[in-house]
Full PDB file with SEQRES, HELIX, SHEET, SSBOND, CRYST1, ORIGX, SCALE, CONECT and MASTER records, all heavy atoms in Angstrom:
SEQRES   1 A   31  ALA LYS GLU THR GLN ILE PHE ILE GLU THR PRO TYR ARG          
SEQRES   2 A   31  ASN MET HIS LEU LEU GLU ASP ILE LEU ALA ASN THR ASN          
SEQRES   3 A   31  PRO ASP THR LYS LEU                                          
HELIX    1 AA1 PRO A   11  ARG A   13  5                                   3    
HELIX    2 AA2 ASN A   14  ALA A   23  1                                  10    
CRYST1    1.000    1.000    1.000  90.00  90.00  90.00 P 1           1          
ORIGX1      1.000000  0.000000  0.000000        0.00000                         
ORIGX2      0.000000  1.000000  0.000000        0.00000                         
ORIGX3      0.000000  0.000000  1.000000        0.00000                         
SCALE1      1.000000  0.000000  0.000000        0.00000                         
SCALE2      0.000000  1.000000  0.000000        0.00000                         
SCALE3      0.000000  0.000000  1.000000        0.00000                         
ATOM      1  N   ALA A   1     103.833 134.723 104.550  1.00  0.00           N  
ATOM      2  CA  ALA A   1     102.600 134.053 104.058  1.00  0.00           C  
ATOM      3  C   ALA A   1     101.358 134.635 104.606  1.00  0.00           C  
ATOM      4  O   ALA A   1     100.203 134.262 104.201  1.00  0.00           O  
ATOM      5  CB  ALA A   1     102.704 132.586 104.442  1.00  0.00           C  
ATOM      6  N   LYS A   2     101.469 135.644 105.505  1.00  0.00           N  
ATOM      7  CA  LYS A   2     100.296 136.266 106.188  1.00  0.00           C  
ATOM      8  C   LYS A   2      99.489 135.155 106.896  1.00  0.00           C  
ATOM      9  O   LYS A   2      98.236 135.164 106.890  1.00  0.00           O  
ATOM     10  CB  LYS A   2      99.434 136.945 105.141  1.00  0.00           C  
ATOM     11  CG  LYS A   2     100.187 138.013 104.305  1.00  0.00           C  
ATOM     12  CD  LYS A   2     100.825 139.069 105.168  1.00  0.00           C  
ATOM     13  CE  LYS A   2     101.531 140.062 104.276  1.00  0.00           C  
ATOM     14  NZ  LYS A   2     102.332 141.109 105.048  1.00  0.00           N  
ATOM     15  N   GLU A   3     100.162 134.269 107.570  1.00  0.00           N  
ATOM     16  CA  GLU A   3      99.564 133.140 108.236  1.00  0.00           C  
ATOM     17  C   GLU A   3      99.694 133.223 109.726  1.00  0.00           C  
ATOM     18  O   GLU A   3     100.705 133.696 110.202  1.00  0.00           O  
ATOM     19  CB  GLU A   3     100.200 131.800 107.818  1.00  0.00           C  
ATOM     20  CG  GLU A   3      99.917 131.275 106.491  1.00  0.00           C  
ATOM     21  CD  GLU A   3     100.619 129.919 106.237  1.00  0.00           C  
ATOM     22  OE1 GLU A   3     101.538 129.569 106.930  1.00  0.00           O  
ATOM     23  OE2 GLU A   3     100.204 129.247 105.256  1.00  0.00           O  
ATOM     24  N   THR A   4      98.722 132.690 110.443  1.00  0.00           N  
ATOM     25  CA  THR A   4      98.883 132.389 111.864  1.00  0.00           C  
ATOM     26  C   THR A   4      99.682 131.152 112.010  1.00  0.00           C  
ATOM     27  O   THR A   4      99.374 130.120 111.362  1.00  0.00           O  
ATOM     28  CB  THR A   4      97.489 132.249 112.573  1.00  0.00           C  
ATOM     29  OG1 THR A   4      96.713 133.424 112.382  1.00  0.00           O  
ATOM     30  CG2 THR A   4      97.604 131.941 114.024  1.00  0.00           C  
ATOM     31  N   GLN A   5     100.696 131.198 112.846  1.00  0.00           N  
ATOM     32  CA  GLN A   5     101.555 130.001 113.100  1.00  0.00           C  
ATOM     33  C   GLN A   5     101.205 129.469 114.454  1.00  0.00           C  
ATOM     34  O   GLN A   5     101.201 130.159 115.508  1.00  0.00           O  
ATOM     35  CB  GLN A   5     102.998 130.415 113.088  1.00  0.00           C  
ATOM     36  CG  GLN A   5     103.441 131.139 111.771  1.00  0.00           C  
ATOM     37  CD  GLN A   5     103.276 130.234 110.554  1.00  0.00           C  
ATOM     38  OE1 GLN A   5     103.799 129.126 110.474  1.00  0.00           O  
ATOM     39  NE2 GLN A   5     102.465 130.680 109.567  1.00  0.00           N  
ATOM     40  N   ILE A   6     100.878 128.137 114.506  1.00  0.00           N  
ATOM     41  CA  ILE A   6     100.447 127.504 115.763  1.00  0.00           C  
ATOM     42  C   ILE A   6     101.395 126.405 116.098  1.00  0.00           C  
ATOM     43  O   ILE A   6     101.782 125.577 115.229  1.00  0.00           O  
ATOM     44  CB  ILE A   6      99.025 126.923 115.619  1.00  0.00           C  
ATOM     45  CG1 ILE A   6      98.035 127.914 115.014  1.00  0.00           C  
ATOM     46  CG2 ILE A   6      98.520 126.370 116.879  1.00  0.00           C  
ATOM     47  CD1 ILE A   6      96.760 127.401 114.603  1.00  0.00           C  
ATOM     48  N   PHE A   7     101.842 126.392 117.385  1.00  0.00           N  
ATOM     49  CA  PHE A   7     102.832 125.376 117.743  1.00  0.00           C  
ATOM     50  C   PHE A   7     102.695 125.029 119.216  1.00  0.00           C  
ATOM     51  O   PHE A   7     102.030 125.744 119.948  1.00  0.00           O  
ATOM     52  CB  PHE A   7     104.303 125.765 117.390  1.00  0.00           C  
ATOM     53  CG  PHE A   7     104.595 127.156 117.828  1.00  0.00           C  
ATOM     54  CD1 PHE A   7     105.299 127.384 119.039  1.00  0.00           C  
ATOM     55  CD2 PHE A   7     104.315 128.231 117.015  1.00  0.00           C  
ATOM     56  CE1 PHE A   7     105.635 128.693 119.421  1.00  0.00           C  
ATOM     57  CE2 PHE A   7     104.650 129.563 117.319  1.00  0.00           C  
ATOM     58  CZ  PHE A   7     105.277 129.760 118.518  1.00  0.00           C  
ATOM     59  N   ILE A   8     103.318 123.938 119.608  1.00  0.00           N  
ATOM     60  CA  ILE A   8     103.158 123.426 121.011  1.00  0.00           C  
ATOM     61  C   ILE A   8     104.498 122.999 121.577  1.00  0.00           C  
ATOM     62  O   ILE A   8     105.488 122.930 120.760  1.00  0.00           O  
ATOM     63  CB  ILE A   8     102.131 122.264 121.116  1.00  0.00           C  
ATOM     64  CG1 ILE A   8     102.537 121.141 120.118  1.00  0.00           C  
ATOM     65  CG2 ILE A   8     100.748 122.786 120.832  1.00  0.00           C  
ATOM     66  CD1 ILE A   8     101.617 119.942 120.194  1.00  0.00           C  
ATOM     67  N   GLU A   9     104.567 122.713 122.790  1.00  0.00           N  
ATOM     68  CA  GLU A   9     105.712 122.214 123.494  1.00  0.00           C  
ATOM     69  C   GLU A   9     105.326 121.241 124.582  1.00  0.00           C  
ATOM     70  O   GLU A   9     104.191 121.269 125.098  1.00  0.00           O  
ATOM     71  CB  GLU A   9     106.573 123.384 124.042  1.00  0.00           C  
ATOM     72  CG  GLU A   9     107.850 123.044 124.798  1.00  0.00           C  
ATOM     73  CD  GLU A   9     108.768 122.151 123.998  1.00  0.00           C  
ATOM     74  OE1 GLU A   9     108.506 120.979 123.775  1.00  0.00           O  
ATOM     75  OE2 GLU A   9     109.842 122.630 123.564  1.00  0.00           O  
ATOM     76  N   THR A  10     106.210 120.400 124.975  1.00  0.00           N  
ATOM     77  CA  THR A  10     106.001 119.517 126.085  1.00  0.00           C  
ATOM     78  C   THR A  10     105.765 120.394 127.337  1.00  0.00           C  
ATOM     79  O   THR A  10     106.506 121.359 127.524  1.00  0.00           O  
ATOM     80  CB  THR A  10     107.137 118.618 126.386  1.00  0.00           C  
ATOM     81  OG1 THR A  10     107.439 117.758 125.171  1.00  0.00           O  
ATOM     82  CG2 THR A  10     106.977 117.701 127.519  1.00  0.00           C  
ATOM     83  N   PRO A  11     104.662 120.206 128.101  1.00  0.00           N  
ATOM     84  CA  PRO A  11     104.278 121.137 129.113  1.00  0.00           C  
ATOM     85  C   PRO A  11     105.387 121.617 130.111  1.00  0.00           C  
ATOM     86  O   PRO A  11     105.411 122.777 130.547  1.00  0.00           O  
ATOM     87  CB  PRO A  11     103.132 120.396 129.817  1.00  0.00           C  
ATOM     88  CG  PRO A  11     102.555 119.543 128.771  1.00  0.00           C  
ATOM     89  CD  PRO A  11     103.674 119.128 127.946  1.00  0.00           C  
ATOM     90  N   TYR A  12     106.328 120.741 130.354  1.00  0.00           N  
ATOM     91  CA  TYR A  12     107.327 121.169 131.386  1.00  0.00           C  
ATOM     92  C   TYR A  12     108.382 122.053 130.811  1.00  0.00           C  
ATOM     93  O   TYR A  12     109.259 122.577 131.468  1.00  0.00           O  
ATOM     94  CB  TYR A  12     107.960 119.956 132.141  1.00  0.00           C  
ATOM     95  CG  TYR A  12     108.778 119.014 131.248  1.00  0.00           C  
ATOM     96  CD1 TYR A  12     110.057 119.247 130.917  1.00  0.00           C  
ATOM     97  CD2 TYR A  12     108.171 117.842 130.771  1.00  0.00           C  
ATOM     98  CE1 TYR A  12     110.811 118.370 130.150  1.00  0.00           C  
ATOM     99  CE2 TYR A  12     108.840 116.981 129.985  1.00  0.00           C  
ATOM    100  CZ  TYR A  12     110.205 117.233 129.693  1.00  0.00           C  
ATOM    101  OH  TYR A  12     110.937 116.384 128.888  1.00  0.00           O  
ATOM    102  N   ARG A  13     108.347 122.220 129.422  1.00  0.00           N  
ATOM    103  CA  ARG A  13     109.273 123.159 128.770  1.00  0.00           C  
ATOM    104  C   ARG A  13     108.593 124.471 128.293  1.00  0.00           C  
ATOM    105  O   ARG A  13     109.166 125.248 127.634  1.00  0.00           O  
ATOM    106  CB  ARG A  13     109.965 122.470 127.624  1.00  0.00           C  
ATOM    107  CG  ARG A  13     110.988 121.429 128.040  1.00  0.00           C  
ATOM    108  CD  ARG A  13     111.928 121.056 126.867  1.00  0.00           C  
ATOM    109  NE  ARG A  13     111.235 120.329 125.886  1.00  0.00           N  
ATOM    110  CZ  ARG A  13     111.257 118.980 125.799  1.00  0.00           C  
ATOM    111  NH1 ARG A  13     111.964 118.275 126.711  1.00  0.00           N  
ATOM    112  NH2 ARG A  13     110.615 118.339 124.883  1.00  0.00           N  
ATOM    113  N   ASN A  14     107.312 124.616 128.703  1.00  0.00           N  
ATOM    114  CA  ASN A  14     106.552 125.780 128.191  1.00  0.00           C  
ATOM    115  C   ASN A  14     107.227 127.168 128.558  1.00  0.00           C  
ATOM    116  O   ASN A  14     107.268 128.091 127.684  1.00  0.00           O  
ATOM    117  CB  ASN A  14     105.112 125.796 128.839  1.00  0.00           C  
ATOM    118  CG  ASN A  14     104.199 124.841 128.104  1.00  0.00           C  
ATOM    119  OD1 ASN A  14     104.352 124.523 126.963  1.00  0.00           O  
ATOM    120  ND2 ASN A  14     103.182 124.392 128.814  1.00  0.00           N  
ATOM    121  N   MET A  15     107.701 127.313 129.785  1.00  0.00           N  
ATOM    122  CA  MET A  15     108.216 128.569 130.195  1.00  0.00           C  
ATOM    123  C   MET A  15     109.556 128.890 129.457  1.00  0.00           C  
ATOM    124  O   MET A  15     109.740 130.064 129.073  1.00  0.00           O  
ATOM    125  CB  MET A  15     108.514 128.607 131.704  1.00  0.00           C  
ATOM    126  CG  MET A  15     107.162 128.501 132.509  1.00  0.00           C  
ATOM    127  SD  MET A  15     105.904 129.696 132.076  1.00  0.00           S  
ATOM    128  CE  MET A  15     106.667 131.267 132.553  1.00  0.00           C  
ATOM    129  N   HIS A  16     110.315 127.851 129.185  1.00  0.00           N  
ATOM    130  CA  HIS A  16     111.553 128.086 128.373  1.00  0.00           C  
ATOM    131  C   HIS A  16     111.211 128.560 126.941  1.00  0.00           C  
ATOM    132  O   HIS A  16     111.880 129.445 126.386  1.00  0.00           O  
ATOM    133  CB  HIS A  16     112.369 126.798 128.302  1.00  0.00           C  
ATOM    134  CG  HIS A  16     112.910 126.389 129.639  1.00  0.00           C  
ATOM    135  ND1 HIS A  16     113.773 127.113 130.409  1.00  0.00           N  
ATOM    136  CD2 HIS A  16     112.696 125.224 130.335  1.00  0.00           C  
ATOM    137  CE1 HIS A  16     114.055 126.386 131.515  1.00  0.00           C  
ATOM    138  NE2 HIS A  16     113.388 125.312 131.464  1.00  0.00           N  
ATOM    139  N   LEU A  17     110.180 127.900 126.417  1.00  0.00           N  
ATOM    140  CA  LEU A  17     109.735 128.287 125.045  1.00  0.00           C  
ATOM    141  C   LEU A  17     109.257 129.716 125.077  1.00  0.00           C  
ATOM    142  O   LEU A  17     109.554 130.555 124.198  1.00  0.00           O  
ATOM    143  CB  LEU A  17     108.640 127.397 124.531  1.00  0.00           C  
ATOM    144  CG  LEU A  17     107.996 127.738 123.188  1.00  0.00           C  
ATOM    145  CD1 LEU A  17     109.072 127.897 122.080  1.00  0.00           C  
ATOM    146  CD2 LEU A  17     106.954 126.676 122.796  1.00  0.00           C  
ATOM    147  N   LEU A  18     108.378 130.137 126.065  1.00  0.00           N  
ATOM    148  CA  LEU A  18     107.839 131.450 126.139  1.00  0.00           C  
ATOM    149  C   LEU A  18     108.989 132.527 126.228  1.00  0.00           C  
ATOM    150  O   LEU A  18     108.994 133.547 125.520  1.00  0.00           O  
ATOM    151  CB  LEU A  18     106.903 131.564 127.299  1.00  0.00           C  
ATOM    152  CG  LEU A  18     106.287 132.997 127.492  1.00  0.00           C  
ATOM    153  CD1 LEU A  18     105.554 133.491 126.280  1.00  0.00           C  
ATOM    154  CD2 LEU A  18     105.381 132.896 128.723  1.00  0.00           C  
ATOM    155  N   GLU A  19     109.925 132.214 127.055  1.00  0.00           N  
ATOM    156  CA  GLU A  19     111.088 133.133 127.183  1.00  0.00           C  
ATOM    157  C   GLU A  19     111.769 133.353 125.891  1.00  0.00           C  
ATOM    158  O   GLU A  19     112.187 134.426 125.536  1.00  0.00           O  
ATOM    159  CB  GLU A  19     112.038 132.630 128.265  1.00  0.00           C  
ATOM    160  CG  GLU A  19     111.473 132.670 129.685  1.00  0.00           C  
ATOM    161  CD  GLU A  19     112.314 131.851 130.648  1.00  0.00           C  
ATOM    162  OE1 GLU A  19     113.355 131.338 130.254  1.00  0.00           O  
ATOM    163  OE2 GLU A  19     111.866 131.786 131.846  1.00  0.00           O  
ATOM    164  N   ASP A  20     112.009 132.269 125.126  1.00  0.00           N  
ATOM    165  CA  ASP A  20     112.702 132.383 123.839  1.00  0.00           C  
ATOM    166  C   ASP A  20     111.823 133.099 122.828  1.00  0.00           C  
ATOM    167  O   ASP A  20     112.367 133.772 121.934  1.00  0.00           O  
ATOM    168  CB  ASP A  20     113.073 131.019 123.378  1.00  0.00           C  
ATOM    169  CG  ASP A  20     114.378 130.434 124.037  1.00  0.00           C  
ATOM    170  OD1 ASP A  20     115.066 131.266 124.658  1.00  0.00           O  
ATOM    171  OD2 ASP A  20     114.608 129.238 124.010  1.00  0.00           O  
ATOM    172  N   ILE A  21     110.534 132.896 122.826  1.00  0.00           N  
ATOM    173  CA  ILE A  21     109.665 133.614 121.887  1.00  0.00           C  
ATOM    174  C   ILE A  21     109.803 135.092 122.112  1.00  0.00           C  
ATOM    175  O   ILE A  21     110.008 135.884 121.229  1.00  0.00           O  
ATOM    176  CB  ILE A  21     108.183 133.177 122.073  1.00  0.00           C  
ATOM    177  CG1 ILE A  21     107.954 131.729 121.652  1.00  0.00           C  
ATOM    178  CG2 ILE A  21     107.280 134.145 121.252  1.00  0.00           C  
ATOM    179  CD1 ILE A  21     106.620 131.192 121.975  1.00  0.00           C  
ATOM    180  N   LEU A  22     109.749 135.562 123.372  1.00  0.00           N  
ATOM    181  CA  LEU A  22     109.794 136.940 123.701  1.00  0.00           C  
ATOM    182  C   LEU A  22     111.117 137.563 123.394  1.00  0.00           C  
ATOM    183  O   LEU A  22     111.273 138.789 123.074  1.00  0.00           O  
ATOM    184  CB  LEU A  22     109.478 137.168 125.151  1.00  0.00           C  
ATOM    185  CG  LEU A  22     108.021 136.743 125.587  1.00  0.00           C  
ATOM    186  CD1 LEU A  22     107.818 137.021 127.085  1.00  0.00           C  
ATOM    187  CD2 LEU A  22     106.950 137.417 124.768  1.00  0.00           C  
ATOM    188  N   ALA A  23     112.181 136.754 123.473  1.00  0.00           N  
ATOM    189  CA  ALA A  23     113.456 137.230 123.198  1.00  0.00           C  
ATOM    190  C   ALA A  23     113.965 137.206 121.750  1.00  0.00           C  
ATOM    191  O   ALA A  23     114.925 137.902 121.324  1.00  0.00           O  
ATOM    192  CB  ALA A  23     114.501 136.392 123.991  1.00  0.00           C  
ATOM    193  N   ASN A  24     113.111 136.570 120.901  1.00  0.00           N  
ATOM    194  CA  ASN A  24     113.588 136.409 119.490  1.00  0.00           C  
ATOM    195  C   ASN A  24     112.546 136.763 118.453  1.00  0.00           C  
ATOM    196  O   ASN A  24     112.671 136.374 117.317  1.00  0.00           O  
ATOM    197  CB  ASN A  24     113.953 134.880 119.251  1.00  0.00           C  
ATOM    198  CG  ASN A  24     115.252 134.500 120.045  1.00  0.00           C  
ATOM    199  OD1 ASN A  24     116.359 134.766 119.546  1.00  0.00           O  
ATOM    200  ND2 ASN A  24     115.072 133.956 121.203  1.00  0.00           N  
ATOM    201  N   THR A  25     111.581 137.583 118.849  1.00  0.00           N  
ATOM    202  CA  THR A  25     110.559 138.101 117.944  1.00  0.00           C  
ATOM    203  C   THR A  25     110.426 139.584 118.010  1.00  0.00           C  
ATOM    204  O   THR A  25     110.899 140.201 118.989  1.00  0.00           O  
ATOM    205  CB  THR A  25     109.128 137.424 118.193  1.00  0.00           C  
ATOM    206  OG1 THR A  25     108.822 137.615 119.576  1.00  0.00           O  
ATOM    207  CG2 THR A  25     109.193 135.890 117.875  1.00  0.00           C  
ATOM    208  N   ASN A  26     109.910 140.188 116.962  1.00  0.00           N  
ATOM    209  CA  ASN A  26     109.733 141.615 116.900  1.00  0.00           C  
ATOM    210  C   ASN A  26     108.717 142.149 117.930  1.00  0.00           C  
ATOM    211  O   ASN A  26     107.718 141.407 118.189  1.00  0.00           O  
ATOM    212  CB  ASN A  26     109.408 142.056 115.484  1.00  0.00           C  
ATOM    213  CG  ASN A  26     110.511 141.741 114.511  1.00  0.00           C  
ATOM    214  OD1 ASN A  26     111.673 142.049 114.784  1.00  0.00           O  
ATOM    215  ND2 ASN A  26     110.122 141.257 113.338  1.00  0.00           N  
ATOM    216  N   PRO A  27     108.909 143.376 118.411  1.00  0.00           N  
ATOM    217  CA  PRO A  27     107.967 143.930 119.437  1.00  0.00           C  
ATOM    218  C   PRO A  27     106.531 143.899 119.018  1.00  0.00           C  
ATOM    219  O   PRO A  27     105.621 143.695 119.859  1.00  0.00           O  
ATOM    220  CB  PRO A  27     108.477 145.317 119.623  1.00  0.00           C  
ATOM    221  CG  PRO A  27     109.902 145.261 119.273  1.00  0.00           C  
ATOM    222  CD  PRO A  27     109.989 144.294 118.083  1.00  0.00           C  
ATOM    223  N   ASP A  28     106.252 144.152 117.727  1.00  0.00           N  
ATOM    224  CA  ASP A  28     104.825 144.261 117.315  1.00  0.00           C  
ATOM    225  C   ASP A  28     104.202 142.934 116.855  1.00  0.00           C  
ATOM    226  O   ASP A  28     103.039 142.905 116.591  1.00  0.00           O  
ATOM    227  CB  ASP A  28     104.724 145.254 116.191  1.00  0.00           C  
ATOM    228  CG  ASP A  28     105.021 146.658 116.663  1.00  0.00           C  
ATOM    229  OD1 ASP A  28     104.725 147.051 117.773  1.00  0.00           O  
ATOM    230  OD2 ASP A  28     105.653 147.496 115.841  1.00  0.00           O  
ATOM    231  N   THR A  29     104.975 141.885 116.856  1.00  0.00           N  
ATOM    232  CA  THR A  29     104.407 140.512 116.577  1.00  0.00           C  
ATOM    233  C   THR A  29     103.438 140.174 117.609  1.00  0.00           C  
ATOM    234  O   THR A  29     103.675 140.329 118.835  1.00  0.00           O  
ATOM    235  CB  THR A  29     105.594 139.533 116.457  1.00  0.00           C  
ATOM    236  OG1 THR A  29     106.349 139.789 115.243  1.00  0.00           O  
ATOM    237  CG2 THR A  29     105.024 138.091 116.367  1.00  0.00           C  
ATOM    238  N   LYS A  30     102.313 139.611 117.222  1.00  0.00           N  
ATOM    239  CA  LYS A  30     101.259 139.201 118.132  1.00  0.00           C  
ATOM    240  C   LYS A  30     101.512 137.776 118.597  1.00  0.00           C  
ATOM    241  O   LYS A  30     101.847 136.893 117.787  1.00  0.00           O  
ATOM    242  CB  LYS A  30      99.903 139.287 117.473  1.00  0.00           C  
ATOM    243  CG  LYS A  30      99.390 140.737 117.238  1.00  0.00           C  
ATOM    244  CD  LYS A  30      98.049 140.783 116.598  1.00  0.00           C  
ATOM    245  CE  LYS A  30      97.581 142.205 116.347  1.00  0.00           C  
ATOM    246  NZ  LYS A  30      96.251 142.129 115.713  1.00  0.00           N  
ATOM    247  N   LEU A  31     101.375 137.544 119.885  1.00  0.00           N  
ATOM    248  CA  LEU A  31     101.470 136.238 120.546  1.00  0.00           C  
ATOM    249  C   LEU A  31     100.213 135.887 121.295  1.00  0.00           C  
ATOM    250  O   LEU A  31      99.855 136.692 122.161  1.00  0.00           O  
ATOM    251  CB  LEU A  31     102.739 136.098 121.418  1.00  0.00           C  
ATOM    252  CG  LEU A  31     102.850 134.886 122.228  1.00  0.00           C  
ATOM    253  CD1 LEU A  31     103.122 133.683 121.382  1.00  0.00           C  
ATOM    254  CD2 LEU A  31     103.984 135.102 123.274  1.00  0.00           C  
TER     255      LEU A  31                                                      
MASTER        0    0    0    2    0    0    0    6  254    1    0    3          
END                                                                             
């Protein structure tokens, strides 16, 4: 869709989410 995707997490799970983003997205995807 050529869209920016915006999402959130409960603050105490932020690091788990970040780790999974880095492990499951393409190298050139912007975060």
